[in-house]
Amino acid sequence: MKPFFYDNVNTGHHPGYIAGIVEAAERAGLPFVVGSVERPSTLLTQAWIPVEESGPRQFLATRRRLRRASHRAGEMGADVLLDLYLDKQIWAAGGARAGLGETVHVLHHAEQYSPARRGAAAIRTVYLRRTLRGLADRGAPVIVHTARAAELISNLVPKDLIVMAGYPVVPLPERTRHSPSTPTRLLFVGAGRQEKGLDLLLDALSILPADSAILRVVGRQPENLRSALTSRFPSAPVEWVDDYVDYPTLIAEYQSADLAVLPYRTVFSRHGGPSSVLLETLSAGLPVITTTALADQLPPDYAGARVAAADSAEALAEGLGAALSNVSALIASAGRSGPEFIATHHSYDAYLKHLLSAAAMVR
């Protein structure tokens, strides 16, 4: 088997994601070809096909580029296409068959297949569901990262063609500090978009007794969000690092925190996507306070987390209060179980095995 790893998006998580897959393939001594907008930093061979990034509405161009790249990969010996971003590639899904007949697709978010969508989105969903069913009829496996994503496509893709693979992350260094600070240091990582519930967290902190905790919000925020939340919740104890954060700074933030807080709303769970922040938090051995929106992405019977009802500042405040009274035990449990879970289920080596297992289903 010689797979063709293909991803024509170069923003967000995509460069690191394909670089991690390539590095795992190199480590395994696997022959492969990779197609991407930029050459992966981990690629040691010359088996790279540069591809152009297409806009979301450039359906024909996207299809032509996928077909051309697949044909070239076939000339280089590749025999199965591993489409790493069906979320976008669904619009060009039939275009690879001129170059490679066998395909496997990775689906990161599945909300667009939900029959509950309304308006113009519902019209697109009809087309997308029909296209996905057609891929399944041709025997193409679909790899998903969460149980919710599998549920959303379960009436379109046969169960034996749905492959569950934990989203891969590069683990953060495990925390070396095991005693909590006074006040307890809370950490929120990333942009505080509506679905991630940062406003609920600040509301909850305003409910808790003063000086019980201080929150670090780390990452560049949408325009005016910081000022709007500061104005709404003036008594919430918050320190903002409202900027791009490099990797050493991110590690330092995880090392100095006592509890991560992921107060995600229910709407986040509806699209079926993984939370890379949650996975990073587990890898660092940092305990977490989260909501029912992410509960199914925690390790089974995980004692390093507390889960509150989603969409409620009062429930979140109650969960935070319980965690703050037991923070030492949470830190100990997270340090024992979190890094081990990530190493077993969310490493790039484990992920590559899932990709190849799916590819073997069509060979």
Protein backbone atom coordinates (compact mmCIF):
# COMPACT_ATOMS: atom_id res chain seq x y z
CA MET A 1 0.00 0.00 0.00
CA LYS A 2 1.18 3.51 -0.87
CA PRO A 3 -1.31 6.15 0.31
CA PHE A 4 -1.74 9.66 -1.05
CA PHE A 5 -2.35 12.06 1.87
CA TYR A 6 -4.27 15.06 0.51
CA ASP A 7 -5.28 18.35 2.17
CA ASN A 8 -5.68 21.56 0.19
CA VAL A 9 -6.27 23.87 3.18
CA ASN A 10 -3.40 25.73 4.83
CA THR A 11 -5.01 27.62 7.71
CA GLY A 12 -5.84 26.82 11.32
CA HIS A 13 -4.89 23.31 12.42
CA HIS A 14 -4.23 22.00 8.90
CA PRO A 15 -0.43 22.54 8.53
CA GLY A 16 0.31 20.97 11.92
CA TYR A 17 -2.15 18.15 11.30
CA ILE A 18 -0.67 17.02 8.00
CA ALA A 19 2.87 17.53 9.31
CA GLY A 20 2.08 15.20 12.21
CA ILE A 21 0.69 12.52 9.89
CA VAL A 22 3.73 12.79 7.60
CA GLU A 23 6.11 12.54 10.56
CA ALA A 24 4.33 9.41 11.82
CA ALA A 25 4.48 7.88 8.33
CA GLU A 26 8.20 8.65 8.09
CA ARG A 27 8.74 7.05 11.51
CA ALA A 28 6.89 3.94 10.39
CA GLY A 29 8.95 3.62 7.19
CA LEU A 30 5.75 3.86 5.13
CA PRO A 31 6.01 4.75 1.42
CA PHE A 32 3.56 7.57 0.65
CA VAL A 33 2.84 10.67 -1.40
CA VAL A 34 1.54 13.90 0.13
CA GLY A 35 -0.39 16.71 -1.53
CA SER A 36 -0.62 20.02 0.35
CA VAL A 37 -0.50 23.77 -0.17
CA GLU A 38 2.93 24.03 1.48
CA ARG A 39 5.54 21.33 1.84
CA PRO A 40 5.12 19.75 5.30
CA SER A 41 8.00 20.70 7.58
CA THR A 42 8.41 17.05 8.61
CA LEU A 43 8.69 15.63 5.07
CA LEU A 44 12.08 13.99 4.44
CA THR A 45 11.48 12.68 0.92
CA GLN A 46 10.62 14.31 -2.40
CA ALA A 47 7.19 12.66 -2.57
CA TRP A 48 5.30 15.98 -2.42
CA ILE A 49 2.74 17.40 -4.82
CA PRO A 50 2.05 21.12 -4.32
CA VAL A 51 -1.66 21.95 -4.62
CA GLU A 52 -3.52 25.22 -4.81
CA GLU A 53 -5.98 26.21 -2.13
CA SER A 54 -9.52 26.70 -3.45
CA GLY A 55 -12.17 29.02 -2.07
CA PRO A 56 -15.33 27.57 -0.49
CA ARG A 57 -17.41 28.24 -3.62
CA GLN A 58 -14.84 27.16 -6.23
CA PHE A 59 -16.37 23.74 -6.68
CA LEU A 60 -15.13 23.04 -10.20
CA ALA A 61 -11.62 24.32 -9.48
CA THR A 62 -11.47 22.23 -6.32
CA ARG A 63 -12.52 19.14 -8.26
CA ARG A 64 -10.03 19.77 -11.08
CA ARG A 65 -7.17 20.24 -8.63
CA LEU A 66 -8.02 17.11 -6.70
CA ARG A 67 -8.29 15.09 -9.90
CA ARG A 68 -5.00 16.44 -11.25
CA ALA A 69 -3.14 15.83 -7.97
CA SER A 70 -4.59 12.31 -7.65
CA HIS A 71 -3.55 11.45 -11.18
CA ARG A 72 -0.02 12.68 -10.47
CA ALA A 73 0.09 10.69 -7.22
CA GLY A 74 -0.94 7.58 -9.14
CA GLU A 75 1.98 8.12 -11.51
CA MET A 76 4.23 8.25 -8.42
CA GLY A 77 2.94 4.86 -7.27
CA ALA A 78 0.15 5.84 -4.87
CA ASP A 79 -2.79 3.45 -4.89
CA VAL A 80 -5.29 4.89 -2.38
CA LEU A 81 -6.42 8.46 -1.70
CA LEU A 82 -6.61 9.53 1.95
CA ASP A 83 -8.67 12.70 1.76
CA LEU A 84 -7.89 14.43 5.06
CA TYR A 85 -10.68 17.03 4.93
CA LEU A 86 -13.99 15.73 3.65
CA ASP A 87 -15.64 18.75 5.32
CA LYS A 88 -14.58 20.78 2.27
CA GLN A 89 -13.68 18.02 -0.16
CA ILE A 90 -17.24 16.69 -0.21
CA TRP A 91 -17.94 19.19 -2.98
CA ALA A 92 -15.27 17.55 -5.13
CA ALA A 93 -15.55 14.01 -3.81
CA GLY A 94 -16.07 12.41 -7.20
CA GLY A 95 -13.09 14.14 -8.73
CA ALA A 96 -10.35 11.77 -7.63
CA ARG A 97 -11.53 8.75 -9.55
CA ALA A 98 -9.62 9.66 -12.70
CA GLY A 99 -6.35 9.30 -10.79
CA LEU A 100 -7.03 6.93 -7.90
CA GLY A 101 -10.00 4.63 -7.72
CA GLU A 102 -9.80 3.85 -4.01
CA THR A 103 -10.63 6.56 -1.46
CA VAL A 104 -10.87 7.08 2.29
CA HIS A 105 -12.30 10.29 3.73
CA VAL A 106 -11.67 12.04 7.06
CA LEU A 107 -14.60 14.05 8.41
CA HIS A 108 -13.74 16.51 11.19
CA HIS A 109 -17.16 18.14 11.70
CA ALA A 110 -20.47 16.60 10.71
CA GLU A 111 -23.07 19.27 11.46
CA GLN A 112 -23.63 19.96 7.77
CA TYR A 113 -25.22 16.50 7.44
CA SER A 114 -27.82 17.11 10.13
CA PRO A 115 -31.40 16.93 8.82
CA ALA A 116 -32.32 19.55 11.46
CA ARG A 117 -30.74 22.38 9.46
CA ARG A 118 -33.06 25.06 8.11
CA GLY A 119 -33.20 27.62 5.30
CA ALA A 120 -30.45 27.70 2.67
CA ALA A 121 -28.36 25.39 4.84
CA ALA A 122 -31.06 22.73 4.57
CA ILE A 123 -30.89 22.88 0.77
CA ARG A 124 -27.11 22.35 0.86
CA THR A 125 -27.58 19.52 3.32
CA VAL A 126 -29.83 17.63 0.90
CA TYR A 127 -27.03 17.69 -1.69
CA LEU A 128 -24.32 16.83 0.84
CA ARG A 129 -26.26 13.90 2.29
CA ARG A 130 -26.88 12.51 -1.18
CA THR A 131 -23.19 12.86 -2.06
CA LEU A 132 -22.01 11.22 1.16
CA ARG A 133 -24.42 8.33 0.64
CA GLY A 134 -22.99 7.94 -2.86
CA LEU A 135 -19.45 7.71 -1.48
CA ALA A 136 -20.59 5.03 0.95
CA ASP A 137 -22.33 3.14 -1.86
CA ARG A 138 -18.95 3.02 -3.62
CA GLY A 139 -17.41 1.52 -0.46
CA ALA A 140 -15.45 4.54 0.73
CA PRO A 141 -14.79 4.46 4.51
CA VAL A 142 -15.32 7.65 6.51
CA ILE A 143 -13.10 8.41 9.51
CA VAL A 144 -14.63 10.49 12.32
CA HIS A 145 -13.25 11.74 15.64
CA THR A 146 -16.28 11.77 17.94
CA ALA A 147 -19.34 9.70 18.72
CA ARG A 148 -21.52 12.68 17.80
CA ALA A 149 -20.05 12.82 14.28
CA ALA A 150 -20.65 9.09 13.86
CA GLU A 151 -24.25 9.57 14.98
CA LEU A 152 -24.85 12.37 12.46
CA ILE A 153 -23.81 10.23 9.49
CA SER A 154 -25.06 6.87 10.77
CA ASN A 155 -28.10 6.82 8.45
CA LEU A 156 -25.93 7.69 5.43
CA VAL A 157 -22.85 5.51 5.89
CA PRO A 158 -23.03 1.83 6.94
CA LYS A 159 -21.65 1.16 10.40
CA ASP A 160 -18.85 -1.01 9.04
CA LEU A 161 -17.59 1.91 6.92
CA ILE A 162 -17.44 4.39 9.82
CA VAL A 163 -14.01 4.34 11.49
CA MET A 164 -13.58 6.06 14.87
CA ALA A 165 -10.15 7.61 15.36
CA GLY A 166 -9.24 9.98 18.18
CA TYR A 167 -8.09 13.34 16.85
CA PRO A 168 -4.28 13.43 17.11
CA VAL A 169 -2.34 16.01 19.11
CA VAL A 170 1.29 16.59 19.97
CA PRO A 171 1.26 16.16 23.76
CA LEU A 172 2.33 19.05 25.92
CA PRO A 173 5.02 18.44 28.55
CA GLU A 174 3.50 17.05 31.71
CA ARG A 175 3.17 19.57 34.52
CA THR A 176 5.92 19.55 37.11
CA ARG A 177 4.03 21.57 39.73
CA HIS A 178 1.54 19.58 41.79
CA SER A 179 0.53 21.99 44.58
CA PRO A 180 -2.28 24.48 43.83
CA SER A 181 -1.73 28.21 44.03
CA THR A 182 -3.59 30.64 46.26
CA PRO A 183 -5.82 31.90 44.78
CA THR A 184 -6.37 28.97 42.42
CA ARG A 185 -5.18 29.74 38.87
CA LEU A 186 -7.76 28.95 36.18
CA LEU A 187 -6.90 28.75 32.46
CA PHE A 188 -9.06 29.38 29.37
CA VAL A 189 -7.20 28.82 26.08
CA GLY A 190 -8.24 30.18 22.70
CA ALA A 191 -10.73 32.63 21.26
CA GLY A 192 -13.82 33.18 23.39
CA ARG A 193 -16.36 32.61 20.64
CA GLN A 194 -20.01 32.32 21.65
CA GLU A 195 -20.04 28.51 21.41
CA LYS A 196 -17.10 28.27 23.84
CA GLY A 197 -18.96 30.00 26.67
CA LEU A 198 -16.35 32.47 27.92
CA ASP A 199 -19.14 34.86 28.91
CA LEU A 200 -20.71 32.09 31.02
CA LEU A 201 -17.38 31.56 32.74
CA LEU A 202 -16.99 35.24 33.64
CA ASP A 203 -20.58 35.27 34.89
CA ALA A 204 -19.84 32.20 37.03
CA LEU A 205 -16.69 33.77 38.45
CA SER A 206 -18.72 36.84 39.44
CA ILE A 207 -20.96 34.52 41.51
CA LEU A 208 -18.10 32.83 43.38
CA PRO A 209 -16.57 34.34 46.53
CA ALA A 210 -13.99 37.03 45.82
CA ASP A 211 -10.33 35.92 45.76
CA SER A 212 -11.19 32.22 45.41
CA ALA A 213 -9.67 32.02 41.92
CA ILE A 214 -8.13 34.08 39.15
CA LEU A 215 -8.64 33.35 35.46
CA ARG A 216 -6.04 33.61 32.69
CA VAL A 217 -7.58 33.99 29.21
CA VAL A 218 -4.80 33.10 26.76
CA GLY A 219 -5.06 33.70 23.03
CA ARG A 220 -6.06 36.37 20.53
CA GLN A 221 -9.68 37.39 20.97
CA PRO A 222 -12.25 38.58 18.41
CA GLU A 223 -12.43 42.35 18.03
CA ASN A 224 -14.15 44.12 20.95
CA LEU A 225 -14.83 40.86 22.82
CA ARG A 226 -12.45 41.67 25.66
CA SER A 227 -13.85 45.14 26.24
CA ALA A 228 -17.44 43.90 25.99
CA LEU A 229 -16.94 41.12 28.55
CA THR A 230 -14.94 43.34 30.88
CA SER A 231 -17.79 45.85 30.81
CA ARG A 232 -20.44 43.16 31.45
CA PHE A 233 -18.55 41.43 34.25
CA PRO A 234 -16.38 44.06 35.96
CA SER A 235 -15.96 42.02 39.16
CA ALA A 236 -14.71 38.85 37.43
CA PRO A 237 -11.01 38.30 38.28
CA VAL A 238 -9.46 38.00 34.81
CA GLU A 239 -5.96 38.42 33.36
CA TRP A 240 -5.95 38.67 29.56
CA VAL A 241 -3.16 37.55 27.25
CA ASP A 242 -4.98 38.88 24.19
CA ASP A 243 -2.43 38.04 21.50
CA TYR A 244 -0.94 35.27 19.44
CA VAL A 245 0.75 32.85 21.84
CA ASP A 246 3.81 30.89 20.75
CA TYR A 247 4.44 27.31 21.82
CA PRO A 248 6.85 28.02 24.74
CA THR A 249 4.39 30.57 26.15
CA LEU A 250 1.52 28.09 25.86
CA ILE A 251 3.54 25.46 27.72
CA ALA A 252 4.32 27.99 30.47
CA GLU A 253 0.62 28.80 30.86
CA TYR A 254 -0.29 25.13 31.27
CA GLN A 255 2.55 24.64 33.72
CA SER A 256 1.47 27.52 35.94
CA ALA A 257 -2.29 26.78 35.91
CA ASP A 258 -4.17 24.68 38.47
CA LEU A 259 -7.38 24.04 36.53
CA ALA A 260 -8.37 24.47 32.89
CA VAL A 261 -11.94 25.61 32.25
CA LEU A 262 -13.79 24.72 29.03
CA PRO A 263 -17.33 26.11 29.57
CA TYR A 264 -18.57 25.13 26.10
CA ARG A 265 -22.21 25.56 25.14
CA THR A 266 -24.40 22.74 23.82
CA VAL A 267 -24.17 24.20 20.32
CA PHE A 268 -20.49 23.19 20.18
CA SER A 269 -21.38 19.51 20.55
CA ARG A 270 -23.86 19.63 17.67
CA HIS A 271 -21.21 19.82 14.93
CA GLY A 272 -19.48 16.65 16.14
CA GLY A 273 -15.97 18.10 16.13
CA PRO A 274 -13.20 17.35 18.63
CA SER A 275 -11.83 19.90 21.09
CA SER A 276 -8.08 20.14 20.60
CA VAL A 277 -7.85 22.35 23.70
CA LEU A 278 -9.37 19.58 25.81
CA LEU A 279 -6.92 17.07 24.36
CA GLU A 280 -3.97 19.39 25.04
CA THR A 281 -5.20 19.86 28.59
CA LEU A 282 -5.39 16.10 29.17
CA SER A 283 -1.92 15.61 27.68
CA ALA A 284 -0.44 18.13 30.12
CA GLY A 285 -1.98 16.35 33.10
CA LEU A 286 -3.98 19.46 34.01
CA PRO A 287 -7.43 18.87 35.53
CA VAL A 288 -10.41 20.39 33.77
CA ILE A 289 -13.79 21.88 34.53
CA THR A 290 -16.06 21.50 31.53
CA THR A 291 -19.69 21.01 30.58
CA THR A 292 -21.94 18.30 29.21
CA ALA A 293 -21.10 19.62 25.72
CA LEU A 294 -17.66 17.97 25.98
CA ALA A 295 -18.34 15.18 28.46
CA ASP A 296 -18.26 12.46 25.79
CA GLN A 297 -14.72 13.50 24.79
CA LEU A 298 -13.29 12.86 28.27
CA PRO A 299 -11.64 9.53 29.09
CA PRO A 300 -14.08 6.95 30.53
CA ASP A 301 -14.43 7.26 34.32
CA TYR A 302 -11.95 10.13 34.33
CA ALA A 303 -11.38 11.47 37.86
CA GLY A 304 -9.43 14.54 36.74
CA ALA A 305 -12.50 16.49 35.61
CA ARG A 306 -15.72 17.96 36.89
CA VAL A 307 -18.65 18.32 34.49
CA ALA A 308 -21.37 20.98 34.83
CA ALA A 309 -24.60 21.36 32.89
CA ALA A 310 -23.99 23.33 29.70
CA ASP A 311 -25.44 26.79 28.98
CA SER A 312 -25.81 27.77 32.66
CA ALA A 313 -23.58 30.18 34.57
CA GLU A 314 -25.13 29.01 37.85
CA ALA A 315 -24.34 25.34 37.12
CA LEU A 316 -20.82 26.29 36.08
CA ALA A 317 -20.32 28.30 39.29
CA GLU A 318 -21.48 25.31 41.32
CA GLY A 319 -19.09 23.00 39.47
CA LEU A 320 -16.23 25.44 39.90
CA GLY A 321 -16.94 25.74 43.60
CA ALA A 322 -16.84 21.97 44.04
CA ALA A 323 -13.60 21.73 42.05
CA LEU A 324 -11.92 24.53 43.98
CA SER A 325 -12.63 22.71 47.24
CA ASN A 326 -10.96 19.55 45.92
CA VAL A 327 -8.29 20.89 43.59
CA SER A 328 -5.35 18.87 44.98
CA ALA A 329 -7.14 15.56 44.36
CA LEU A 330 -8.09 16.66 40.84
CA ILE A 331 -4.48 17.58 40.06
CA ALA A 332 -3.28 14.17 41.26
CA SER A 333 -5.89 12.27 39.23
CA ALA A 334 -5.27 14.27 36.06
CA GLY A 335 -1.53 13.74 36.30
CA ARG A 336 -1.98 9.97 36.61
CA SER A 337 -4.53 9.43 33.84
CA GLY A 338 -4.58 12.27 31.33
CA PRO A 339 -1.18 11.91 29.62
CA GLU A 340 -1.55 8.12 29.41
CA PHE A 341 -4.95 8.43 27.73
CA ILE A 342 -3.60 10.84 25.10
CA ALA A 343 -0.57 8.66 24.40
CA THR A 344 -2.80 5.64 23.86
CA HIS A 345 -5.71 7.15 21.92
CA HIS A 346 -4.62 10.50 20.44
CA SER A 347 -1.04 10.15 19.25
CA TYR A 348 -0.17 10.58 15.57
CA ASP A 349 1.25 7.04 15.51
CA ALA A 350 -2.09 5.64 16.70
CA TYR A 351 -3.94 7.89 14.25
CA LEU A 352 -1.85 6.69 11.31
CA LYS A 353 -2.76 3.10 12.18
CA HIS A 354 -6.46 4.03 11.95
CA LEU A 355 -5.89 5.71 8.56
CA LEU A 356 -4.11 2.66 7.21
CA SER A 357 -6.73 0.31 8.66
CA ALA A 358 -9.41 2.25 6.79
CA ALA A 359 -7.31 2.20 3.62
CA ALA A 360 -6.94 -1.57 3.90
CA MET A 361 -10.74 -1.85 3.80
CA VAL A 362 -10.78 -0.65 0.17
CA ARG A 363 -7.67 -2.47 -1.03
